[in-house]
Amino acid sequence: MSKFLYLIFLFLTPAVLLSQIPGNIVVYPDSEKIPISPYLFGSGDEMTACFSPLADIQPLITATRPSLLRFGGIGAEYFDWQGDSLGGLFYLDFFDTLIIPSPVYFGIDSFLRICEAIGAEPILTVNMQIGDTALARNMVEYVNGDTTTPLGNLRAHRGHPAPYNVSIWSLGNEPDIAGGQWPVPPWGYWTFYRHYNIPFSNWSWQDSAFWTPQDFASLIPLYVNSMENASPIPLEFIYSIAGNPAWVRPVIEPNINLIDYLDVHYYPSSASDTIADTTDYIEWLRKSDTIFAAEPYIQSFRDSLNAIGASNIEPIVLEYNAGMIMIPDHLWWNYLTGLFIADCIGHWMHAGLKMAAVYSIHEGDSSNPGDFPYFGVIRGDTASRRMPSYVLELYNTYFGDTLICAFSDHKNTGYGIECWASKRSSDNRYALVVVNKTLDTTYAMTIQIHDSIQLYRLRNITNNAPIGAPYNGTTGIEDQGLFVPDSIHSGVSYLNQVFVPASVSLLEVLPYTGIAEESKTTIPDFRIPMIVRKGVVLEVPRGTYTLYSVTGRKVEYWRDTEKLSIPYLPQGIYFLRTEPAVYRKIIIF
């Protein structure tokens, strides 16, 4: 099916909703119970990134609500953070033919002030390619030093007297790609990291000095010692690789007590065709479950760490996306990649990761609208949010802190419907993310939750808008309102919902926690109905209460009491009035 036909099918053929495949999702709240780190819902960008114009881009980053922002990427190894009066210089290694120092016009302060403004945990990456520990030490002092230090004082004079107190630092970026080449048609190839141990001022387009794993291992204690000596707060250190397992043992084993995290990047697909079609989309979407599955990928590195006695080092993923898909496909990059990311986050939770970051938070330049933005969840060419931005917002805003067991009978080897479920300790509610990764299948799912449910709220992201900017395929998160379960039997609640193609939905579920427990909170939110059984006795704050039918007829009255015995009335909606006149909707069954 061509992309053109797919769009016609999706927007102009409502009959798609008439053909629905039934299925089941089962949620067991008392099973699995894996803690969810808040830093799983993060993003990041290159150290050389420039979010311009900031007045347009920062509100979009704020709305995305990333819990973590990691600044690194390949650009970190070509970045002099002190260059251009601390605005930063990017040494562009131009297709192995010449070196061009280029001002970034953004810099460390701009990154960290964004993190402060939105409450995101920052991670900074130091340049390791040039082997200059002083450059890394100076960055730490500038960021974390107080005003009695030379660079801390410089930071204060530049408008930020208080230290930024960045505690997590990445030691370089993907050293395992040194010597690799990236095609840049029609000009040739860019060879990665060919200036090992050469100062920026001495770089030549003829350089061919590459580090080995042993070289990189020898740099780590020098950098860690220099950086720790410049920081008044404890630091944590990340070793970051593209994914080559041959770079694990020789680098980590001699530095087992210096490294806190192993950052393994995840790009399961690769493509550079000029045109993508439905077959490509399906292959890319299913990769997190099959062929290059996310959880076995993480486990392989856990096994490598355990084999060298480094189980204290946590694997994390601070760069991931569906793949190196270098095709300027608007449907894929604006919208469909959000389906992959929504599901991949679930796999990271299930794998027990402590940190994960979608690559990247922003891409594109309003001054070069002809350059297609690939990875960015926020477009810079036409300042706008893509579907993955809304996915991060959905998770960061509503998802819980404990993963619970959920099973879908229509996963279909990664191209079907998936559910990730959680419990929020703050209010004991459940939050379920349901991802329909298919392009043309509507699922009518019965969700079985092994608990008694009062009601739930449905929010979703659907392909309901033009695929180009500024909508990029969706109007964002839509609140579909409150629902009650279709039935409750033997402590199991049944919720029937339809999930349209290429959608991400979140169900925020309020369990029936016990009348006494809820009523002692002075019946907390009178906008939300409470489900009660006939004949049950409610414990309530002492007062006077009146029960009305939906027509306004008074059906029961309690005076100066702490207990309400619910009468055996016809099943339906009623209103409970307290003194003073405050009403609570009651559903009696």
Protein backbone atom coordinates (compact mmCIF):
# COMPACT_ATOMS: atom_id res chain seq x y z
CA MET A 1 0.00 0.00 0.00
CA SER A 2 1.54 3.32 -0.97
CA LYS A 3 1.78 6.19 1.47
CA PHE A 4 -0.66 8.15 -0.69
CA LEU A 5 -3.22 5.37 -0.60
CA TYR A 6 -2.71 4.93 3.12
CA LEU A 7 -3.48 8.57 3.81
CA ILE A 8 -6.62 8.41 1.69
CA PHE A 9 -7.62 5.24 3.52
CA LEU A 10 -7.04 6.78 6.91
CA PHE A 11 -8.67 10.15 6.41
CA LEU A 12 -11.38 9.54 3.85
CA THR A 13 -12.67 6.06 4.62
CA PRO A 14 -14.56 5.92 7.92
CA ALA A 15 -15.60 2.39 6.99
CA VAL A 16 -12.28 1.31 8.49
CA LEU A 17 -14.04 1.48 11.85
CA LEU A 18 -16.64 -1.03 10.65
CA SER A 19 -14.01 -3.76 10.33
CA GLN A 20 -12.74 -4.41 13.83
CA ILE A 21 -10.67 -7.28 15.16
CA PRO A 22 -11.64 -8.35 18.68
CA GLY A 23 -8.97 -9.07 21.23
CA ASN A 24 -8.04 -9.08 24.89
CA ILE A 25 -5.69 -7.22 27.17
CA VAL A 26 -5.26 -8.65 30.66
CA VAL A 27 -3.76 -6.60 33.51
CA TYR A 28 -2.55 -8.17 36.76
CA PRO A 29 -1.85 -5.34 39.25
CA ASP A 30 -0.23 -7.66 41.79
CA SER A 31 2.29 -9.17 39.35
CA GLU A 32 5.72 -8.09 38.11
CA LYS A 33 5.98 -4.81 40.06
CA ILE A 34 9.14 -3.44 38.43
CA PRO A 35 10.18 0.02 39.69
CA ILE A 36 10.05 2.65 36.92
CA SER A 37 12.76 5.28 36.92
CA PRO A 38 11.51 8.79 36.11
CA TYR A 39 14.58 9.19 33.89
CA LEU A 40 13.26 6.68 31.36
CA PHE A 41 11.19 9.37 29.65
CA GLY A 42 14.09 11.53 28.48
CA SER A 43 15.59 12.90 25.31
CA GLY A 44 18.76 14.62 24.21
CA ASP A 45 20.73 16.21 21.43
CA GLU A 46 24.17 16.97 20.09
CA MET A 47 26.58 19.09 22.13
CA THR A 48 26.67 21.23 19.00
CA ALA A 49 22.89 21.74 18.87
CA CYS A 50 21.38 25.20 18.60
CA PHE A 51 17.71 25.58 19.52
CA SER A 52 16.94 28.62 17.42
CA PRO A 53 14.87 30.69 17.62
CA LEU A 54 14.76 29.80 21.31
CA ALA A 55 11.55 31.77 21.87
CA ASP A 56 9.79 29.32 19.52
CA ILE A 57 11.58 26.09 20.44
CA GLN A 58 11.78 26.23 24.24
CA PRO A 59 7.98 26.25 24.78
CA LEU A 60 7.77 23.09 22.65
CA ILE A 61 10.49 21.40 24.72
CA THR A 62 8.66 22.47 27.87
CA ALA A 63 5.42 20.93 26.58
CA THR A 64 7.24 17.67 25.79
CA ARG A 65 8.26 17.43 29.46
CA PRO A 66 11.44 15.34 29.09
CA SER A 67 12.61 14.17 32.50
CA LEU A 68 16.20 14.06 31.30
CA LEU A 69 18.18 15.89 28.61
CA ARG A 70 21.49 14.42 27.55
CA PHE A 71 23.79 16.57 25.44
CA GLY A 72 26.38 14.50 23.59
CA GLY A 73 26.31 12.82 20.20
CA ILE A 74 29.10 12.60 17.68
CA GLY A 75 29.29 16.38 17.81
CA ALA A 76 30.74 16.17 21.34
CA GLU A 77 34.02 14.85 19.92
CA TYR A 78 34.26 17.85 17.57
CA PHE A 79 33.17 20.47 20.10
CA ASP A 80 35.31 23.02 21.92
CA TRP A 81 32.96 24.30 24.60
CA GLN A 82 35.28 27.23 25.46
CA GLY A 83 35.57 28.39 21.87
CA ASP A 84 33.92 31.54 20.54
CA SER A 85 33.83 33.10 24.03
CA LEU A 86 31.99 30.08 25.49
CA GLY A 87 29.41 30.06 22.73
CA GLY A 88 31.14 26.91 21.48
CA LEU A 89 33.05 26.00 18.32
CA PHE A 90 32.18 22.98 16.20
CA TYR A 91 35.16 21.72 14.21
CA LEU A 92 33.47 20.54 11.06
CA ASP A 93 35.55 17.74 9.54
CA PHE A 94 34.26 18.43 6.06
CA PHE A 95 34.15 15.09 4.24
CA ASP A 96 37.86 14.45 4.92
CA THR A 97 38.92 17.38 2.77
CA LEU A 98 39.20 20.38 5.12
CA ILE A 99 38.58 21.48 8.72
CA ILE A 100 36.19 24.39 9.36
CA PRO A 101 35.77 25.80 12.89
CA SER A 102 32.16 26.97 13.06
CA PRO A 103 30.49 28.98 15.87
CA VAL A 104 27.55 27.20 17.52
CA TYR A 105 25.92 30.35 18.98
CA PHE A 106 24.39 28.39 21.85
CA GLY A 107 26.68 26.73 24.34
CA ILE A 108 26.67 25.14 27.80
CA ASP A 109 24.79 27.92 29.59
CA SER A 110 21.91 27.77 27.12
CA PHE A 111 21.55 23.99 27.55
CA LEU A 112 21.60 24.11 31.31
CA ARG A 113 19.22 27.03 31.63
CA ILE A 114 16.68 25.11 29.56
CA CYS A 115 17.08 22.12 31.89
CA GLU A 116 16.59 24.38 34.90
CA ALA A 117 13.51 26.00 33.39
CA ILE A 118 11.74 22.72 32.64
CA GLY A 119 13.04 20.63 35.54
CA ALA A 120 14.98 18.14 33.40
CA GLU A 121 18.04 16.28 34.68
CA PRO A 122 21.03 17.39 32.54
CA ILE A 123 23.81 15.12 31.31
CA LEU A 124 26.87 16.67 29.65
CA THR A 125 29.47 14.93 27.48
CA VAL A 126 33.16 15.81 27.53
CA ASN A 127 35.42 15.62 24.48
CA MET A 128 37.80 12.64 24.69
CA GLN A 129 39.09 12.57 21.11
CA ILE A 130 41.69 15.29 21.65
CA GLY A 131 42.86 13.75 24.95
CA ASP A 132 42.80 17.10 26.78
CA THR A 133 41.73 16.52 30.38
CA ALA A 134 42.04 20.25 31.09
CA LEU A 135 39.17 21.01 28.70
CA ALA A 136 36.95 18.57 30.60
CA ARG A 137 38.13 19.80 33.99
CA ASN A 138 37.37 23.39 33.02
CA MET A 139 33.85 22.46 31.96
CA VAL A 140 33.18 20.85 35.34
CA GLU A 141 34.55 23.87 37.21
CA TYR A 142 32.50 26.26 35.10
CA VAL A 143 29.33 24.25 35.64
CA ASN A 144 29.75 23.21 39.28
CA GLY A 145 32.34 25.49 40.85
CA ASP A 146 31.37 28.23 43.30
CA THR A 147 32.27 31.87 42.77
CA THR A 148 35.63 31.45 44.54
CA THR A 149 36.89 29.44 41.55
CA PRO A 150 38.02 31.29 38.41
CA LEU A 151 35.51 29.60 36.11
CA GLY A 152 32.72 29.61 38.67
CA ASN A 153 33.28 33.34 38.98
CA LEU A 154 33.17 33.66 35.18
CA ARG A 155 29.84 31.81 35.13
CA ALA A 156 28.49 34.23 37.76
CA HIS A 157 29.59 37.22 35.68
CA ARG A 158 27.77 35.69 32.72
CA GLY A 159 24.51 35.77 34.65
CA HIS A 160 24.31 32.54 36.68
CA PRO A 161 25.82 33.00 40.17
CA ALA A 162 24.65 29.63 41.54
CA PRO A 163 26.37 26.45 40.32
CA TYR A 164 24.38 24.28 37.94
CA ASN A 165 25.42 21.21 39.96
CA VAL A 166 25.49 18.72 37.10
CA SER A 167 26.22 15.34 38.65
CA ILE A 168 26.05 12.94 35.65
CA TRP A 169 28.77 13.16 32.98
CA SER A 170 29.44 11.14 29.85
CA LEU A 171 33.06 10.31 29.01
CA GLY A 172 33.05 10.86 25.27
CA ASN A 173 30.60 9.47 22.75
CA GLU A 174 30.68 6.17 20.85
CA PRO A 175 34.46 5.63 20.71
CA ASP A 176 33.72 2.28 19.06
CA ILE A 177 32.84 4.01 15.76
CA ALA A 178 36.38 5.41 15.34
CA GLY A 179 37.50 4.82 11.77
CA GLY A 180 33.98 4.20 10.56
CA GLN A 181 32.67 6.15 7.60
CA TRP A 182 29.38 7.88 6.98
CA PRO A 183 28.32 8.45 3.36
CA VAL A 184 27.70 12.07 2.43
CA PRO A 185 26.59 11.92 -1.20
CA PRO A 186 27.59 13.25 -3.63
CA TRP A 187 30.75 14.51 -1.90
CA GLY A 188 32.10 11.28 -0.40
CA TYR A 189 32.53 10.03 3.17
CA TRP A 190 33.04 11.43 6.65
CA THR A 191 35.58 9.38 8.65
CA PHE A 192 34.86 9.40 12.37
CA TYR A 193 37.36 10.36 15.06
CA ARG A 194 40.61 10.49 13.07
CA HIS A 195 42.29 13.13 15.26
CA TYR A 196 43.10 11.11 18.40
CA ASN A 197 45.32 13.00 20.86
CA ILE A 198 45.67 15.96 18.49
CA PRO A 199 44.76 19.47 19.76
CA PHE A 200 42.07 21.30 17.81
CA SER A 201 44.60 23.88 16.65
CA ASN A 202 46.68 21.16 14.97
CA TRP A 203 43.91 19.29 13.18
CA SER A 204 44.50 18.51 9.52
CA TRP A 205 42.25 17.00 6.92
CA GLN A 206 45.02 14.44 6.39
CA ASP A 207 44.94 13.14 9.99
CA SER A 208 44.52 9.41 10.43
CA ALA A 209 45.04 8.84 14.18
CA PHE A 210 42.43 6.52 15.71
CA TRP A 211 42.18 5.31 19.30
CA THR A 212 41.94 1.66 20.27
CA PRO A 213 39.91 0.25 23.17
CA GLN A 214 43.13 0.16 25.19
CA ASP A 215 43.83 3.83 24.36
CA PHE A 216 40.37 4.84 25.49
CA ALA A 217 40.63 2.75 28.66
CA SER A 218 43.83 4.57 29.61
CA LEU A 219 42.10 7.95 29.25
CA ILE A 220 39.28 7.21 31.69
CA PRO A 221 41.21 7.43 35.00
CA LEU A 222 42.90 10.63 33.83
CA TYR A 223 39.58 12.26 32.97
CA VAL A 224 37.74 11.00 36.06
CA ASN A 225 40.46 12.22 38.41
CA SER A 226 40.68 15.63 36.74
CA MET A 227 36.93 16.15 36.67
CA GLU A 228 36.34 14.98 40.25
CA ASN A 229 38.99 17.37 41.51
CA ALA A 230 37.10 20.26 39.92
CA SER A 231 33.70 19.44 41.40
CA PRO A 232 32.49 20.17 44.95
CA ILE A 233 29.70 17.59 44.49
CA PRO A 234 30.03 13.85 43.76
CA LEU A 235 29.98 12.90 40.09
CA GLU A 236 28.70 9.83 38.24
CA PHE A 237 30.38 8.74 35.01
CA ILE A 238 28.96 7.17 31.86
CA TYR A 239 30.86 5.14 29.29
CA SER A 240 28.98 5.42 26.00
CA ILE A 241 29.23 3.07 23.02
CA ALA A 242 27.37 2.67 19.74
CA GLY A 243 26.88 -1.00 20.54
CA ASN A 244 30.08 -2.88 19.69
CA PRO A 245 30.46 -5.56 22.42
CA ALA A 246 34.20 -5.80 21.71
CA TRP A 247 34.56 -2.43 23.45
CA VAL A 248 33.07 -3.59 26.77
CA ARG A 249 35.69 -5.76 28.49
CA PRO A 250 38.92 -3.95 27.46
CA VAL A 251 37.58 -0.55 28.53
CA ILE A 252 35.49 -1.40 31.58
CA GLU A 253 37.59 -4.14 33.23
CA PRO A 254 40.52 -1.83 34.11
CA ASN A 255 38.08 0.93 35.13
CA ILE A 256 35.47 -1.13 36.92
CA ASN A 257 35.35 1.18 39.94
CA LEU A 258 35.35 4.42 37.94
CA ILE A 259 32.36 3.85 35.64
CA ASP A 260 28.79 3.98 36.94
CA TYR A 261 26.81 3.41 33.73
CA LEU A 262 27.32 1.69 30.38
CA ASP A 263 25.37 3.64 27.76
CA VAL A 264 24.54 1.43 24.77
CA HIS A 265 22.84 3.15 21.85
CA TYR A 266 19.96 1.52 19.99
CA TYR A 267 19.12 2.12 16.33
CA PRO A 268 17.69 -1.23 15.17
CA SER A 269 17.00 -0.34 11.52
CA SER A 270 19.03 1.17 8.72
CA ALA A 271 17.80 2.56 5.42
CA SER A 272 18.83 5.08 2.81
CA ASP A 273 16.39 4.40 -0.03
CA THR A 274 14.82 7.41 -1.66
CA ILE A 275 11.25 6.23 -1.01
CA ALA A 276 9.70 4.28 1.88
CA ASP A 277 6.58 2.16 1.59
CA THR A 278 4.26 0.23 3.89
CA THR A 279 6.56 -2.81 3.91
CA ASP A 280 9.36 -0.61 5.25
CA TYR A 281 7.11 0.95 7.90
CA ILE A 282 6.02 -2.45 9.19
CA GLU A 283 9.59 -3.76 9.35
CA TRP A 284 10.80 -0.69 11.26
CA LEU A 285 7.87 -0.71 13.68
CA ARG A 286 8.31 -4.34 14.70
CA LYS A 287 12.07 -4.17 15.34
CA SER A 288 11.68 -3.43 19.07
CA ASP A 289 10.01 -6.85 19.43
CA THR A 290 11.70 -9.01 16.81
CA ILE A 291 14.97 -9.33 14.87
CA PHE A 292 16.71 -6.60 16.95
CA ALA A 293 14.51 -6.84 20.04
CA ALA A 294 15.10 -4.26 22.76
CA GLU A 295 15.17 -6.41 25.89
CA PRO A 296 17.54 -9.14 24.63
CA TYR A 297 19.81 -6.33 23.42
CA ILE A 298 20.03 -4.94 26.96
CA GLN A 299 20.42 -8.39 28.46
CA SER A 300 23.40 -9.15 26.21
CA PHE A 301 25.27 -6.21 27.74
CA ARG A 302 24.19 -7.15 31.26
CA ASP A 303 25.68 -10.59 30.59
CA SER A 304 28.93 -9.00 29.37
CA LEU A 305 29.14 -6.85 32.50
CA ASN A 306 28.39 -9.79 34.79
CA ALA A 307 31.08 -11.86 33.06
CA ILE A 308 33.78 -9.40 34.17
CA GLY A 309 32.38 -8.82 37.65
CA ALA A 310 30.89 -5.45 36.75
CA SER A 311 27.30 -6.05 37.81
CA ASN A 312 27.48 -2.78 39.75
CA ILE A 313 27.52 -0.91 36.41
CA GLU A 314 24.03 -0.16 35.12
CA PRO A 315 23.26 -0.43 31.38
CA ILE A 316 21.34 2.59 30.09
CA VAL A 317 20.28 3.82 26.63
CA LEU A 318 20.89 7.53 26.10
CA GLU A 319 20.41 7.45 22.34
CA TYR A 320 17.67 5.50 20.62
CA ASN A 321 15.25 5.78 17.77
CA ALA A 322 13.78 3.40 15.22
CA GLY A 323 17.00 3.45 13.25
CA MET A 324 19.38 5.28 10.97
CA ILE A 325 16.56 5.79 8.50
CA MET A 326 17.94 8.50 6.24
CA ILE A 327 14.84 8.85 4.10
CA PRO A 328 13.05 12.24 4.11
CA ASP A 329 9.69 10.59 4.71
CA HIS A 330 7.17 12.90 6.38
CA LEU A 331 4.75 10.17 7.41
CA TRP A 332 7.48 8.19 9.12
CA TRP A 333 9.43 10.94 10.87
CA ASN A 334 6.51 13.21 11.72
CA TYR A 335 4.19 10.53 13.00
CA LEU A 336 4.84 6.79 12.76
CA THR A 337 8.14 6.84 14.64
CA GLY A 338 6.07 7.86 17.68
CA LEU A 339 4.49 4.39 17.67
CA PHE A 340 7.93 2.79 17.81
CA ILE A 341 9.05 5.06 20.65
CA ALA A 342 5.85 4.54 22.67
CA ASP A 343 6.39 0.77 22.56
CA CYS A 344 10.15 0.95 23.03
CA ILE A 345 9.72 2.90 26.29
CA GLY A 346 7.68 -0.04 27.55
CA HIS A 347 10.51 -2.43 26.74
CA TRP A 348 13.01 -0.20 28.55
CA MET A 349 10.75 -0.23 31.62
CA HIS A 350 10.43 -4.01 31.45
CA ALA A 351 14.22 -4.33 31.13
CA GLY A 352 14.62 -2.30 34.33
CA LEU A 353 16.65 0.53 32.80
CA LYS A 354 17.43 3.55 34.96
CA MET A 355 17.80 6.04 32.09
CA ALA A 356 16.76 6.33 28.44
CA ALA A 357 16.74 9.22 26.00
CA VAL A 358 15.07 9.51 22.60
CA TYR A 359 17.36 10.94 19.96
CA SER A 360 16.77 13.78 19.47
CA ILE A 361 14.79 16.53 21.13
CA HIS A 362 15.13 18.94 18.18
CA GLU A 363 16.26 19.02 14.59
CA GLY A 364 15.93 21.52 11.79
CA ASP A 365 16.75 25.13 11.10
CA SER A 366 14.24 27.81 10.19
CA SER A 367 16.92 29.53 8.10
CA ASN A 368 17.35 26.34 6.01
CA PRO A 369 13.80 25.07 5.49
CA GLY A 370 14.96 22.87 2.62
CA ASP A 371 16.97 20.61 4.96
CA PHE A 372 14.69 17.79 6.10
CA PRO A 373 14.69 17.23 9.89
CA TYR A 374 15.02 13.51 10.54
CA PHE A 375 15.24 12.51 14.20
CA GLY A 376 14.02 15.52 16.14
CA VAL A 377 10.79 15.05 18.09
CA ILE A 378 10.50 18.82 17.67
CA ARG A 379 10.94 20.34 14.23
CA GLY A 380 13.07 23.44 13.95
CA ASP A 381 12.48 24.18 10.27
CA THR A 382 8.84 24.93 11.04
CA ALA A 383 8.68 25.10 14.83
CA SER A 384 6.24 22.32 15.72
CA ARG A 385 5.82 19.11 17.69
CA ARG A 386 5.87 15.65 16.18
CA MET A 387 4.04 12.62 17.52
CA PRO A 388 6.98 11.38 19.68
CA SER A 389 6.88 14.70 21.54
CA TYR A 390 3.30 13.98 22.59
CA VAL A 391 4.26 10.40 23.52
CA LEU A 392 6.91 11.69 25.94
CA GLU A 393 4.41 14.14 27.39
CA LEU A 394 1.87 11.35 27.87
CA TYR A 395 4.32 9.11 29.72
CA ASN A 396 5.90 11.89 31.79
CA THR A 397 2.55 13.32 32.85
CA TYR A 398 0.40 10.29 33.59
CA PHE A 399 2.36 7.05 33.77
CA GLY A 400 3.08 5.43 37.12
CA ASP A 401 6.23 4.51 39.04
CA THR A 402 5.72 0.72 39.15
CA LEU A 403 5.34 -1.50 36.09
CA ILE A 404 2.66 -4.16 36.49
CA CYS A 405 1.93 -7.19 34.35
CA ALA A 406 -0.10 -6.62 31.17
CA PHE A 407 -0.67 -9.04 28.31
CA SER A 408 -2.09 -8.44 24.84
CA ASP A 409 -3.19 -11.40 22.72
CA HIS A 410 -2.61 -9.41 19.52
CA LYS A 411 1.05 -8.35 19.72
CA ASN A 412 1.56 -10.17 16.43
CA THR A 413 5.39 -10.29 16.59
CA GLY A 414 5.69 -6.56 17.04
CA TYR A 415 3.12 -5.41 14.51
CA GLY A 416 -0.12 -5.43 16.43
CA ILE A 417 -1.40 -3.98 19.67
CA GLU A 418 0.71 -3.73 22.82
CA CYS A 419 -0.12 -2.65 26.37
CA TRP A 420 2.17 -1.37 29.11
CA ALA A 421 0.59 -0.93 32.54
CA SER A 422 1.66 0.81 35.72
CA LYS A 423 0.56 1.80 39.19
CA ARG A 424 1.05 5.29 40.63
CA SER A 425 2.06 5.29 44.28
CA SER A 426 0.91 8.91 44.66
CA ASP A 427 -2.78 8.04 44.27
CA ASN A 428 -2.92 4.24 43.75
CA ARG A 429 -4.35 4.66 40.25
CA TYR A 430 -3.35 2.56 37.28
CA ALA A 431 -2.12 4.00 34.00
CA LEU A 432 -2.20 1.86 30.85
CA VAL A 433 -0.54 2.81 27.57
CA VAL A 434 -2.00 0.95 24.59
CA VAL A 435 -0.08 1.19 21.30
CA ASN A 436 -1.75 0.12 18.05
CA LYS A 437 1.28 -0.16 15.78
CA THR A 438 -0.70 -1.30 12.75
CA LEU A 439 -1.44 1.03 9.85
CA ASP A 440 -4.85 -0.30 8.88
CA THR A 441 -6.32 -2.46 11.65
CA THR A 442 -8.87 -1.29 14.21
CA TYR A 443 -8.95 -3.39 17.37
CA ALA A 444 -11.99 -3.78 19.63
CA MET A 445 -10.25 -4.85 22.82
CA THR A 446 -11.70 -6.12 26.06
CA ILE A 447 -9.38 -4.99 28.84
CA GLN A 448 -9.57 -7.25 31.89
CA ILE A 449 -8.14 -5.62 35.00
CA HIS A 450 -7.89 -7.90 38.02
CA ASP A 451 -9.26 -5.31 40.40
CA SER A 452 -12.60 -3.60 40.94
CA ILE A 453 -12.58 -0.37 38.95
CA GLN A 454 -14.73 2.69 39.60
CA LEU A 455 -14.02 4.60 36.40
CA TYR A 456 -11.30 5.53 33.94
CA ARG A 457 -10.29 8.44 31.73
CA LEU A 458 -9.14 7.91 28.16
CA ARG A 459 -6.59 10.11 26.40
CA ASN A 460 -5.18 9.31 22.98
CA ILE A 461 -2.96 10.44 20.12
CA THR A 462 -4.29 9.62 16.66
CA ASN A 463 -3.44 10.37 13.04
CA ASN A 464 -6.21 12.97 12.76
CA ALA A 465 -4.51 15.89 10.99
CA PRO A 466 -2.44 16.69 7.89
CA ILE A 467 0.94 15.00 7.92
CA GLY A 468 2.86 18.21 7.22
CA ALA A 469 3.85 20.97 9.65
CA PRO A 470 2.59 22.39 11.88
CA TYR A 471 0.36 19.40 12.74
CA ASN A 472 2.75 16.64 11.64
CA GLY A 473 -0.14 14.18 11.52
CA THR A 474 -1.88 14.85 14.82
CA THR A 475 -3.56 17.50 16.93
CA GLY A 476 -1.86 15.98 19.97
CA ILE A 477 -3.25 14.43 23.13
CA GLU A 478 -7.04 14.43 23.14
CA ASP A 479 -9.09 13.86 26.29
CA GLN A 480 -11.95 11.51 25.44
CA GLY A 481 -13.56 11.84 28.87
CA LEU A 482 -14.59 9.52 31.69
CA PHE A 483 -15.91 5.97 31.34
CA VAL A 484 -17.17 3.32 33.73
CA PRO A 485 -16.38 -0.39 33.37
CA ASP A 486 -18.75 -2.40 31.23
CA SER A 487 -18.94 -5.01 33.96
CA ILE A 488 -17.29 -6.28 37.13
CA HIS A 489 -17.29 -10.00 37.99
CA SER A 490 -15.51 -11.64 40.91
CA GLY A 491 -13.13 -8.74 41.36
CA VAL A 492 -12.26 -8.48 37.65
CA SER A 493 -13.29 -5.34 35.74
CA TYR A 494 -14.02 -5.45 32.01
CA LEU A 495 -13.43 -2.34 29.90
CA ASN A 496 -14.32 -2.38 26.21
CA GLN A 497 -12.46 0.09 24.01
CA VAL A 498 -11.78 0.54 20.31
CA PHE A 499 -8.23 1.45 19.26
CA VAL A 500 -7.88 2.92 15.78
CA PRO A 501 -4.85 2.30 13.55
CA ALA A 502 -1.55 4.00 14.33
CA SER A 503 -2.61 5.33 17.72
CA VAL A 504 -1.28 5.65 21.25
CA SER A 505 -3.83 5.68 24.07
CA LEU A 506 -3.55 6.13 27.82
CA LEU A 507 -6.18 4.91 30.24
CA GLU A 508 -6.00 6.48 33.69
CA VAL A 509 -7.84 4.02 35.93
CA LEU A 510 -9.35 4.62 39.38
CA PRO A 511 -9.72 1.36 41.31
CA TYR A 512 -12.47 0.67 43.80
CA THR A 513 -10.15 1.03 46.80
CA GLY A 514 -12.72 0.40 49.51
CA ILE A 515 -15.41 2.79 50.60
CA ALA A 516 -13.98 3.43 54.05
CA GLU A 517 -10.56 4.33 52.61
CA GLU A 518 -11.99 6.77 50.09
CA SER A 519 -14.62 8.37 52.32
CA LYS A 520 -12.11 9.16 55.06
CA THR A 521 -10.44 11.50 52.61
CA THR A 522 -13.61 13.62 52.86
CA ILE A 523 -14.77 12.31 49.48
CA PRO A 524 -11.84 13.90 47.64
CA ASP A 525 -12.98 15.01 44.21
CA PHE A 526 -16.69 15.72 43.74
CA ARG A 527 -16.30 15.87 39.98
CA ILE A 528 -15.46 12.16 39.82
CA PRO A 529 -18.25 9.62 40.37
CA MET A 530 -17.91 6.91 42.99
CA ILE A 531 -19.18 3.39 42.34
CA VAL A 532 -20.89 1.70 45.30
CA ARG A 533 -22.80 -1.51 45.79
CA LYS A 534 -26.34 -1.72 47.11
CA GLY A 535 -26.43 -2.37 50.84
CA VAL A 536 -22.85 -1.25 51.50
CA VAL A 537 -22.15 0.97 54.51
CA LEU A 538 -20.01 4.03 53.86
CA GLU A 539 -17.90 5.52 56.62
CA VAL A 540 -17.97 9.30 56.16
CA PRO A 541 -17.05 12.44 58.11
CA ARG A 542 -19.85 13.30 60.56
CA GLY A 543 -22.50 15.39 58.89
CA THR A 544 -25.86 15.51 57.13
CA TYR A 545 -26.27 13.79 53.75
CA THR A 546 -29.06 13.59 51.16
CA LEU A 547 -29.28 11.18 48.21
CA TYR A 548 -31.09 12.34 45.04
CA SER A 549 -32.05 10.57 41.83
CA VAL A 550 -30.95 12.03 38.48
CA THR A 551 -34.39 13.70 38.22
CA GLY A 552 -33.80 15.54 41.50
CA ARG A 553 -36.11 13.38 43.64
CA LYS A 554 -34.90 12.90 47.21
CA VAL A 555 -34.59 9.17 47.85
CA GLU A 556 -32.69 8.99 51.16
CA TYR A 557 -31.67 11.28 54.01
CA TRP A 558 -29.09 10.86 56.81
CA ARG A 559 -28.78 13.36 59.66
CA ASP A 560 -25.74 13.89 61.89
CA THR A 561 -24.12 10.56 61.03
CA GLU A 562 -20.76 8.96 60.26
CA LYS A 563 -22.25 6.00 58.38
CA LEU A 564 -24.36 5.86 55.23
CA SER A 565 -26.20 2.62 54.51
CA ILE A 566 -26.79 2.61 50.76
CA PRO A 567 -30.40 1.53 50.10
CA TYR A 568 -31.41 -1.18 47.65
CA LEU A 569 -32.32 1.14 44.79
CA PRO A 570 -32.52 0.54 41.04
CA GLN A 571 -29.05 0.45 39.44
CA GLY A 572 -28.02 3.83 38.06
CA ILE A 573 -26.66 7.32 38.73
CA TYR A 574 -27.51 9.27 41.89
CA PHE A 575 -26.23 12.43 43.57
CA LEU A 576 -25.09 12.64 47.18
CA ARG A 577 -25.37 16.06 48.81
CA THR A 578 -23.34 17.08 51.84
CA GLU A 579 -23.72 20.18 54.00
CA PRO A 580 -22.87 22.78 52.84
CA ALA A 581 -24.37 22.11 49.41
CA VAL A 582 -21.69 20.02 47.65
CA TYR A 583 -22.73 17.18 45.35
CA ARG A 584 -20.97 13.91 44.56
CA LYS A 585 -22.08 11.64 41.73
CA ILE A 586 -22.76 8.09 42.91
CA ILE A 587 -23.19 5.07 40.66
CA ILE A 588 -25.13 2.35 42.47
CA PHE A 589 -25.00 -1.22 41.16
